Amino acid sequence: MAYSGASTGAGYHLAAVITSGDRSLYYGRIKSLETAADASGAATFVIPEYREGEEVYIFVEGRNDNDDYKTDFAGVPICIAGSGRTIEPLSEDVEEPRPETKFVTVNPSELTLVKGYDKKLTVSFAPEGALEEVTWSSDSPDVAAVDPVTGVVSALKAGSAKVTVKAKTSGKEAFCTVTVTEKPQASGLILTPAAMTVSKGVTEKITASFRGIAEQPLTWSSSKESVATVDKEGKVTAKSEGTCVITAVTKDGNYSASCEVKVTAATVVHGGGSGGCNGIGAGALALLAMLPCLLIRGKRER
């Protein structure tokens, strides 16, 4: 198969979809378009199954892995076997559907805050590519209130509360258990949160504040770097399951404070979006359903 005029760059490639009626005979990446020399050339591939006499269509598309769920440039399907027929193109910028949300996760899933302090919770979706608007709520807003839009938790009084995040479209929910303590706010160095639980691979930031003392540089350390590391800004990266203590010490050595960090197993995410042709994702299924009458956008390379 010869092609010309293709866009090139990191992540660009040619992909082919071959159909016969409602059967998919082939789907996959057929050539990388990384360099300018790849703008024109030839690509070969094998159709694994073909029945003699079938009317078969090939649709060759050029894609870039930019995660915007749109095909960057493509062409009209071509009949490569059979009588063929006139194919009318569709309008440009046909957006590929995002995967349906299977579950959501809150990070962290457990949180200890000193009264008077705040912490922003984050939410992630599975499978990869799923994304929805969410709302946050607390079952004990007098203990720990949460902003319904941003997910910022405010510790108001000692006690515990369950903060819930709910996806608006799928209705999927996840929870964070918040414990608020009445730790005395003595003069010195204060770390927020005083303790936290994070999933393996996640990065969280510990905030340091100076109460009644001059603000000064801090030295951060981890009691067990195999479990979690910390950088000079107080950003903690969870490495493996276990517990460790993150400590900050003032430059003059007179004050220190600690945060206990518990690392849990990482969430396993199955499936994926259509940000490329590594497998048959939502984008591929959408293309197969629309073939052979399909044009997604822009200029064609063959």
Protein backbone atom coordinates (compact mmCIF):
# COMPACT_ATOMS: atom_id res chain seq x y z
CA MET A 1 0.00 0.00 0.00
CA ALA A 2 1.48 3.37 -1.07
CA TYR A 3 0.69 6.62 0.76
CA SER A 4 1.83 10.26 0.57
CA GLY A 5 1.50 13.61 2.31
CA ALA A 6 1.20 12.21 5.81
CA SER A 7 1.78 14.36 8.88
CA THR A 8 4.75 13.20 10.95
CA GLY A 9 6.08 13.57 14.47
CA ALA A 10 6.40 11.82 17.81
CA GLY A 11 3.44 9.52 18.35
CA TYR A 12 2.10 9.70 14.77
CA HIS A 13 1.37 6.50 12.89
CA LEU A 14 -0.73 4.92 10.17
CA ALA A 15 -3.47 2.50 11.21
CA ALA A 16 -5.78 0.37 9.09
CA VAL A 17 -9.30 -0.97 9.56
CA ILE A 18 -10.48 -3.65 7.12
CA THR A 19 -14.10 -4.79 7.11
CA SER A 20 -16.37 -7.09 5.18
CA GLY A 21 -20.00 -6.43 5.93
CA ASP A 22 -20.30 -6.58 9.69
CA ARG A 23 -17.03 -8.54 10.08
CA SER A 24 -13.75 -6.95 11.08
CA LEU A 25 -10.86 -8.60 9.26
CA TYR A 26 -8.05 -6.42 10.55
CA TYR A 27 -7.40 -3.52 12.88
CA GLY A 28 -4.01 -2.23 13.91
CA ARG A 29 -1.06 0.08 13.54
CA ILE A 30 0.80 -0.53 10.31
CA LYS A 31 3.61 2.04 10.22
CA SER A 32 5.26 4.66 12.44
CA LEU A 33 5.42 8.25 11.16
CA GLU A 34 8.06 9.53 13.58
CA THR A 35 10.36 11.32 11.10
CA ALA A 36 9.89 13.66 8.13
CA ALA A 37 11.16 10.89 5.84
CA ASP A 38 8.02 8.90 6.73
CA ALA A 39 5.66 11.48 5.16
CA SER A 40 5.44 9.37 2.00
CA GLY A 41 6.20 5.76 1.38
CA ALA A 42 4.69 2.29 1.44
CA ALA A 43 3.33 0.02 4.14
CA THR A 44 2.54 -3.68 4.02
CA PHE A 45 0.44 -5.89 6.27
CA VAL A 46 -1.40 -9.20 6.11
CA ILE A 47 -5.17 -9.69 6.32
CA PRO A 48 -5.52 -12.77 8.54
CA GLU A 49 -8.90 -13.89 7.19
CA TYR A 50 -10.53 -13.45 3.80
CA ARG A 51 -13.35 -15.34 2.08
CA GLU A 52 -13.21 -15.44 -1.68
CA GLY A 53 -15.79 -13.21 -3.31
CA GLU A 54 -16.32 -10.96 -0.30
CA GLU A 55 -16.62 -7.22 -0.75
CA VAL A 56 -13.81 -5.85 1.43
CA TYR A 57 -13.09 -2.27 2.43
CA ILE A 58 -9.92 -0.74 3.81
CA PHE A 59 -9.89 2.46 5.83
CA VAL A 60 -6.42 3.86 6.49
CA GLU A 61 -6.12 6.60 9.07
CA GLY A 62 -3.32 8.72 10.46
CA ARG A 63 -3.33 9.18 14.22
CA ASN A 64 -1.47 11.03 16.91
CA ASP A 65 -1.48 9.86 20.56
CA ASN A 66 -2.68 13.17 22.01
CA ASP A 67 -5.56 11.79 24.11
CA ASP A 68 -8.13 14.23 22.66
CA TYR A 69 -10.39 11.40 21.43
CA LYS A 70 -10.43 12.70 17.88
CA THR A 71 -8.79 11.28 14.78
CA ASP A 72 -6.36 13.88 13.51
CA PHE A 73 -6.61 13.12 9.80
CA ALA A 74 -8.16 10.35 7.79
CA GLY A 75 -9.59 9.37 4.43
CA VAL A 76 -12.52 7.64 2.76
CA PRO A 77 -12.72 3.80 2.91
CA ILE A 78 -11.63 2.13 -0.34
CA CYS A 79 -13.07 -1.04 -1.80
CA ILE A 80 -10.16 -3.45 -2.33
CA ALA A 81 -12.26 -6.47 -3.35
CA GLY A 82 -15.77 -6.80 -4.80
CA SER A 83 -17.86 -4.45 -6.91
CA GLY A 84 -17.45 -1.33 -4.80
CA ARG A 85 -19.93 1.49 -4.38
CA THR A 86 -20.08 5.24 -3.88
CA ILE A 87 -19.15 6.31 -0.34
CA GLU A 88 -20.30 9.66 1.04
CA PRO A 89 -18.05 11.27 3.67
CA LEU A 90 -19.39 12.32 7.05
CA SER A 91 -18.81 15.74 8.62
CA GLU A 92 -15.45 16.62 10.16
CA ASP A 93 -14.44 16.27 13.80
CA VAL A 94 -16.49 13.22 14.72
CA GLU A 95 -15.71 12.82 18.42
CA GLU A 96 -15.04 9.30 19.65
CA PRO A 97 -16.96 8.34 22.80
CA ARG A 98 -15.11 8.12 26.11
CA PRO A 99 -15.15 4.75 27.88
CA GLU A 100 -17.93 4.17 30.40
CA THR A 101 -16.80 4.68 34.00
CA LYS A 102 -16.43 1.36 35.83
CA PHE A 103 -15.32 2.77 39.18
CA VAL A 104 -13.85 5.86 40.83
CA THR A 105 -11.15 6.17 43.49
CA VAL A 106 -10.46 8.90 46.06
CA ASN A 107 -6.90 9.81 47.01
CA PRO A 108 -6.18 9.59 49.84
CA SER A 109 -8.80 7.08 51.05
CA GLU A 110 -8.00 7.88 54.71
CA LEU A 111 -7.04 11.28 56.10
CA THR A 112 -6.15 12.70 59.51
CA LEU A 113 -6.36 16.47 59.88
CA VAL A 114 -5.76 18.81 62.79
CA LYS A 115 -8.72 21.08 63.55
CA GLY A 116 -8.46 24.28 61.55
CA TYR A 117 -6.60 22.79 58.58
CA ASP A 118 -7.63 21.90 55.02
CA LYS A 119 -6.73 19.19 52.53
CA LYS A 120 -7.74 18.77 48.87
CA LEU A 121 -8.92 15.30 47.84
CA THR A 122 -8.54 14.06 44.27
CA VAL A 123 -10.50 11.55 42.22
CA SER A 124 -9.42 9.15 39.47
CA PHE A 125 -11.48 7.09 37.02
CA ALA A 126 -11.19 3.63 35.51
CA PRO A 127 -10.81 2.48 32.81
CA GLU A 128 -8.24 4.86 31.34
CA GLY A 129 -9.90 7.66 29.39
CA ALA A 130 -13.09 7.72 31.47
CA LEU A 131 -13.93 11.17 32.82
CA GLU A 132 -16.98 12.73 34.46
CA GLU A 133 -18.04 15.68 36.55
CA VAL A 134 -18.27 14.83 40.25
CA THR A 135 -19.82 16.21 43.43
CA TRP A 136 -18.41 15.94 46.97
CA SER A 137 -20.35 15.59 50.24
CA SER A 138 -19.70 14.86 53.93
CA ASP A 139 -21.92 12.85 56.26
CA SER A 140 -20.71 15.00 59.19
CA PRO A 141 -20.15 18.51 57.84
CA ASP A 142 -19.85 19.89 61.38
CA VAL A 143 -16.72 17.71 61.82
CA ALA A 144 -15.25 17.81 58.32
CA ALA A 145 -16.87 19.97 55.66
CA VAL A 146 -16.05 19.49 51.99
CA ASP A 147 -16.42 21.87 49.06
CA PRO A 148 -18.90 20.14 46.68
CA VAL A 149 -16.93 21.23 43.59
CA THR A 150 -13.24 21.30 44.53
CA GLY A 151 -13.08 18.44 47.06
CA VAL A 152 -11.24 20.56 49.65
CA VAL A 153 -11.89 19.16 53.16
CA SER A 154 -11.94 21.58 56.12
CA ALA A 155 -11.40 20.16 59.63
CA LEU A 156 -13.85 21.89 62.00
CA LYS A 157 -13.91 19.86 65.22
CA ALA A 158 -12.63 16.59 66.66
CA GLY A 159 -14.39 13.49 65.37
CA SER A 160 -14.71 11.47 62.19
CA ALA A 161 -16.60 11.88 58.94
CA LYS A 162 -17.07 10.05 55.66
CA VAL A 163 -16.50 12.18 52.59
CA THR A 164 -18.15 10.86 49.42
CA VAL A 165 -17.42 11.66 45.78
CA LYS A 166 -20.11 10.77 43.25
CA ALA A 167 -19.81 10.76 39.47
CA LYS A 168 -22.75 12.66 37.97
CA THR A 169 -23.31 10.46 34.89
CA SER A 170 -22.54 6.91 36.01
CA GLY A 171 -23.46 7.37 39.67
CA LYS A 172 -20.25 5.61 40.78
CA GLU A 173 -19.06 6.53 44.28
CA ALA A 174 -15.90 6.41 46.37
CA PHE A 175 -15.15 7.40 49.96
CA CYS A 176 -12.50 8.93 52.21
CA THR A 177 -12.56 8.45 55.99
CA VAL A 178 -11.55 11.72 57.67
CA THR A 179 -10.39 11.92 61.28
CA VAL A 180 -10.12 15.36 62.89
CA THR A 181 -7.94 15.77 65.98
CA GLU A 182 -7.71 18.53 68.59
CA LYS A 183 -3.92 18.55 68.55
CA PRO A 184 -2.76 21.64 70.50
CA GLN A 185 -1.47 24.35 68.22
CA ALA A 186 1.71 25.08 70.17
CA SER A 187 4.41 27.34 68.81
CA GLY A 188 6.75 25.67 66.38
CA LEU A 189 6.62 23.79 63.12
CA ILE A 190 3.28 22.25 62.07
CA LEU A 191 2.80 19.72 59.26
CA THR A 192 -0.55 19.20 57.53
CA PRO A 193 -1.77 16.54 57.36
CA ALA A 194 -0.42 14.91 60.52
CA ALA A 195 -1.00 11.48 58.93
CA MET A 196 -2.17 10.24 55.58
CA THR A 197 -2.85 7.12 53.54
CA VAL A 198 -1.84 7.09 49.85
CA SER A 199 -1.85 4.50 47.07
CA LYS A 200 1.40 3.18 45.64
CA GLY A 201 2.65 5.47 42.84
CA VAL A 202 0.68 8.52 44.03
CA THR A 203 2.33 11.82 45.01
CA GLU A 204 0.89 13.98 47.81
CA LYS A 205 2.17 17.24 49.29
CA ILE A 206 2.69 17.92 52.99
CA THR A 207 2.24 21.57 53.93
CA ALA A 208 4.49 23.11 56.57
CA SER A 209 3.47 26.17 58.59
CA PHE A 210 5.38 28.20 61.17
CA ARG A 211 3.51 29.14 64.34
CA GLY A 212 5.20 31.65 66.61
CA ILE A 213 8.63 31.14 65.02
CA ALA A 214 10.46 32.69 62.10
CA GLU A 215 9.89 31.04 58.74
CA GLN A 216 13.05 29.31 57.56
CA PRO A 217 14.24 26.57 55.17
CA LEU A 218 13.40 22.98 56.04
CA THR A 219 15.20 19.69 55.62
CA TRP A 220 12.86 16.81 54.74
CA SER A 221 13.52 13.11 55.26
CA SER A 222 11.79 9.74 55.17
CA SER A 223 12.31 7.03 57.77
CA LYS A 224 11.96 4.38 55.05
CA GLU A 225 12.58 5.53 51.48
CA SER A 226 11.63 2.10 50.12
CA VAL A 227 8.07 2.91 51.25
CA ALA A 228 7.91 6.65 50.44
CA THR A 229 10.32 9.42 49.47
CA VAL A 230 10.02 13.16 50.03
CA ASP A 231 11.56 16.06 48.10
CA LYS A 232 12.69 19.49 49.31
CA GLU A 233 9.18 20.90 48.74
CA GLY A 234 7.50 18.32 50.96
CA LYS A 235 6.09 16.28 48.06
CA VAL A 236 5.75 12.64 49.12
CA THR A 237 5.86 9.84 46.52
CA ALA A 238 4.50 6.44 47.58
CA LYS A 239 6.86 3.63 46.48
CA SER A 240 5.68 0.38 48.10
CA GLU A 241 3.19 -0.89 50.66
CA GLY A 242 4.08 -0.14 54.25
CA THR A 243 4.36 2.68 56.78
CA CYS A 244 7.00 5.35 57.26
CA VAL A 245 7.42 8.73 58.92
CA ILE A 246 8.16 11.91 56.98
CA THR A 247 10.02 14.48 59.08
CA ALA A 248 10.79 18.16 58.52
CA VAL A 249 13.49 19.96 60.52
CA THR A 250 14.09 23.72 60.59
CA LYS A 251 17.43 25.05 59.40
CA ASP A 252 18.42 26.09 62.93
CA GLY A 253 17.65 22.57 64.17
CA ASN A 254 15.40 23.79 66.97
CA TYR A 255 12.08 22.55 65.62
CA SER A 256 10.84 19.43 63.85
CA ALA A 257 7.50 17.87 62.96
CA SER A 258 6.42 14.55 61.48
CA CYS A 259 3.69 13.03 59.32
CA GLU A 260 3.00 9.29 59.36
CA VAL A 261 2.47 7.93 55.86
CA LYS A 262 0.73 4.63 55.13
CA VAL A 263 1.11 3.30 51.57
CA THR A 264 -1.50 0.89 50.21
CA ALA A 265 -1.56 -1.19 47.02
CA ALA A 266 -2.04 0.71 43.79
CA THR A 267 -5.43 0.60 42.08
CA VAL A 268 -5.40 -1.76 39.08
CA VAL A 269 -6.84 -0.11 35.98
CA HIS A 270 -8.12 -2.31 33.18
CA GLY A 271 -9.00 -1.31 29.66
CA GLY A 272 -8.07 1.89 27.92
CA GLY A 273 -9.10 4.76 25.74
CA SER A 274 -8.41 5.37 22.10
CA GLY A 275 -5.23 7.42 22.33
CA GLY A 276 -3.55 5.31 19.72
CA CYS A 277 -3.62 1.97 18.00
CA ASN A 278 -2.10 -0.23 20.65
CA GLY A 279 -5.28 -2.27 20.82
CA ILE A 280 -8.96 -2.09 19.90
CA GLY A 281 -10.26 0.59 22.25
CA ALA A 282 -13.41 2.68 22.14
CA GLY A 283 -12.12 4.59 19.11
CA ALA A 284 -11.58 1.42 17.10
CA LEU A 285 -15.03 0.06 17.94
CA ALA A 286 -16.60 3.34 16.92
CA LEU A 287 -14.78 3.24 13.56
CA LEU A 288 -15.77 -0.38 12.93
CA ALA A 289 -19.41 0.39 13.67
CA MET A 290 -19.43 3.27 11.20
CA LEU A 291 -17.56 1.61 8.32
CA PRO A 292 -17.66 1.38 5.38
CA CYS A 293 -19.29 4.86 5.11
CA LEU A 294 -16.83 6.90 7.12
CA LEU A 295 -14.65 9.97 7.02
CA ILE A 296 -13.39 11.46 10.23
CA ARG A 297 -11.33 14.52 9.34
CA GLY A 298 -8.67 16.20 7.37
CA LYS A 299 -6.25 15.01 4.90
CA ARG A 300 -5.74 11.40 3.80
CA GLU A 301 -2.62 9.44 3.48
CA ARG A 302 -2.39 6.19 1.58
